[in-house]
Amino acid sequence: MAYAKDPVCGMEVDTSSDLKFEYEGETYYFCSRGCRLDFEEDPEKYLDPEYEPKM
């Protein structure tokens, strides 16, 4: 089983999840639909190196 970090909240998530989104050739995985929707709305906010996920 592989894991990835949810870029919105910072949780570790299973990469077999359907909660994923592709952006600029990279696939991102999410813990919930809400996190995925937030990311879809403003991916650059969550990919900014200065962004710190808050759970």
Protein backbone atom coordinates (compact mmCIF):
# COMPACT_ATOMS: atom_id res chain seq x y z
CA MET A 1 0.00 0.00 0.00
CA ALA A 2 1.39 3.41 -0.96
CA TYR A 3 0.72 6.69 0.78
CA ALA A 4 0.84 10.35 -0.23
CA LYS A 5 0.46 13.58 1.69
CA ASP A 6 -2.78 15.53 1.25
CA PRO A 7 -1.49 18.97 0.13
CA VAL A 8 -4.42 20.77 1.80
CA CYS A 9 -4.46 19.34 5.34
CA GLY A 10 -1.19 17.37 5.46
CA MET A 11 -2.76 13.97 6.27
CA GLU A 12 -1.22 10.77 4.95
CA VAL A 13 -3.66 9.17 2.49
CA ASP A 14 -3.81 5.87 0.64
CA THR A 15 -3.00 6.35 -3.05
CA SER A 16 -5.61 3.74 -4.03
CA SER A 17 -8.28 6.30 -3.06
CA ASP A 18 -10.61 7.76 -5.67
CA LEU A 19 -10.10 11.18 -4.06
CA LYS A 20 -7.41 12.40 -6.41
CA PHE A 21 -6.83 15.23 -8.83
CA GLU A 22 -4.29 15.68 -11.60
CA TYR A 23 -2.67 19.08 -11.94
CA GLU A 24 0.12 19.93 -14.39
CA GLY A 25 0.93 16.25 -14.93
CA GLU A 26 1.12 15.39 -11.22
CA THR A 27 -1.50 13.40 -9.30
CA TYR A 28 -2.46 14.64 -5.84
CA TYR A 29 -4.40 12.59 -3.29
CA PHE A 30 -6.85 13.80 -0.65
CA CYS A 31 -8.36 12.64 2.62
CA SER A 32 -11.81 14.03 1.81
CA ARG A 33 -13.92 15.55 -0.92
CA GLY A 34 -13.65 18.92 0.83
CA CYS A 35 -9.86 18.94 0.62
CA ARG A 36 -9.99 17.94 -3.03
CA LEU A 37 -12.49 20.72 -3.83
CA ASP A 38 -10.34 23.30 -2.00
CA PHE A 39 -7.31 22.19 -4.01
CA GLU A 40 -9.21 22.26 -7.32
CA GLU A 41 -10.30 25.83 -6.58
CA ASP A 42 -6.77 27.16 -5.95
CA PRO A 43 -3.98 24.59 -6.47
CA GLU A 44 -1.20 27.20 -6.45
CA LYS A 45 -2.14 28.20 -2.89
CA TYR A 46 -1.55 24.65 -1.63
CA LEU A 47 1.56 24.04 -3.72
CA ASP A 48 3.29 27.21 -2.53
CA PRO A 49 6.37 26.20 -0.49
CA GLU A 50 5.33 28.76 2.15
CA TYR A 51 1.93 27.09 2.68
CA GLU A 52 1.66 25.12 5.94
CA PRO A 53 -1.17 22.55 6.08
CA LYS A 54 -3.48 22.87 9.07
CA MET A 55 -5.54 19.90 10.22
